[in-house]
Amino acid sequence: MVQLKSASERSIMRTVNTTTRMSGRVTEWKDNYGFIRCTDGRILFVHFSSIGASGFRTLVPGDRVAFEIVQTAKGPQAVNVTLFID
């Protein structure tokens, strides 16, 4: 069981649990973060820790991904990111 430390973390988890999966493509990737363009045109921040994979977690521009969106203090962010296998 994960112990959430703050009210904001608990709020984010509630948001994640009630959102639907979205899809989009990675537009840019740096060392440990990047940006995803949703199918509805929005651009979202994504951090490597939000990638649902084991081992080395990275994305490549052009990757098609599925994710959930949470609202953070800095704006919307993609979480629970998984790659589509074409």
Protein backbone atom coordinates (compact mmCIF):
# COMPACT_ATOMS: atom_id res chain seq x y z
CA MET A 1 0.00 0.00 0.00
CA VAL A 2 1.30 3.46 -0.91
CA GLN A 3 1.18 6.10 1.83
CA LEU A 4 0.38 9.52 0.33
CA LYS A 5 2.08 12.33 2.18
CA SER A 6 0.03 15.41 1.41
CA ALA A 7 -3.50 16.52 0.63
CA SER A 8 -2.42 17.47 -2.90
CA GLU A 9 -1.09 13.95 -3.54
CA ARG A 10 -4.38 12.48 -2.31
CA SER A 11 -6.26 14.91 -4.58
CA ILE A 12 -4.16 13.88 -7.61
CA MET A 13 -4.81 10.20 -6.90
CA ARG A 14 -8.57 10.82 -6.71
CA THR A 15 -8.35 12.65 -10.04
CA VAL A 16 -6.41 9.78 -11.62
CA ASN A 17 -8.92 7.24 -10.38
CA THR A 18 -11.84 9.08 -12.02
CA THR A 19 -10.31 10.00 -15.37
CA THR A 20 -10.57 8.12 -18.63
CA ARG A 21 -7.68 7.00 -20.78
CA MET A 22 -6.67 9.40 -23.54
CA SER A 23 -4.30 8.90 -26.45
CA GLY A 24 -1.76 11.01 -28.27
CA ARG A 25 1.76 11.21 -29.65
CA VAL A 26 5.04 12.21 -28.05
CA THR A 27 6.17 15.49 -29.63
CA GLU A 28 9.40 16.07 -27.72
CA TRP A 29 11.58 14.12 -25.28
CA LYS A 30 14.52 15.35 -23.19
CA ASP A 31 16.55 13.32 -20.65
CA ASN A 32 13.70 12.54 -18.26
CA TYR A 33 10.68 14.51 -19.43
CA GLY A 34 8.82 15.51 -22.53
CA PHE A 35 5.52 16.54 -24.07
CA ILE A 36 2.55 14.70 -25.53
CA ARG A 37 0.01 16.10 -27.99
CA CYS A 38 -3.45 14.71 -27.18
CA THR A 39 -5.78 13.74 -29.97
CA ASP A 40 -7.83 16.82 -28.96
CA GLY A 41 -4.81 19.09 -29.60
CA ARG A 42 -3.73 19.82 -26.02
CA ILE A 43 -0.02 19.62 -25.16
CA LEU A 44 0.76 17.84 -21.88
CA PHE A 45 3.91 17.56 -19.79
CA VAL A 46 5.07 14.01 -19.00
CA HIS A 47 7.83 12.93 -16.58
CA PHE A 48 9.67 9.63 -16.98
CA SER A 49 8.32 8.45 -13.61
CA SER A 50 4.80 8.50 -15.14
CA ILE A 51 5.72 5.88 -17.76
CA GLY A 52 4.22 2.50 -16.91
CA ALA A 53 7.19 0.30 -17.75
CA SER A 54 9.94 -1.50 -15.89
CA GLY A 55 13.62 -0.81 -16.34
CA PHE A 56 14.81 2.19 -18.34
CA ARG A 57 11.77 4.36 -19.04
CA THR A 58 11.94 6.70 -22.00
CA LEU A 59 9.82 7.85 -24.92
CA VAL A 60 10.71 8.85 -28.48
CA PRO A 61 9.10 11.63 -30.51
CA GLY A 62 6.38 10.05 -32.62
CA ASP A 63 5.55 7.29 -30.10
CA ARG A 64 1.81 6.69 -29.82
CA VAL A 65 0.79 6.55 -26.15
CA ALA A 66 -2.24 6.14 -23.88
CA PHE A 67 -2.43 8.04 -20.59
CA GLU A 68 -4.56 9.74 -17.97
CA ILE A 69 -4.52 13.48 -17.31
CA VAL A 70 -4.15 15.06 -13.87
CA GLN A 71 -4.22 18.73 -12.98
CA THR A 72 -1.14 19.81 -11.03
CA ALA A 73 -0.09 23.17 -9.63
CA LYS A 74 1.90 23.73 -12.85
CA GLY A 75 -0.89 22.64 -15.21
CA PRO A 76 -2.15 19.41 -16.77
CA GLN A 77 0.19 16.43 -16.78
CA ALA A 78 0.05 12.96 -18.37
CA VAL A 79 0.32 10.04 -15.92
CA ASN A 80 0.09 6.25 -16.20
CA VAL A 81 1.59 6.51 -19.68
CA THR A 82 1.79 3.33 -21.78
CA LEU A 83 2.99 2.75 -25.33
CA PHE A 84 0.68 1.51 -28.06
CA ILE A 85 2.16 -1.48 -29.82
CA ASP A 86 1.46 -1.07 -33.55
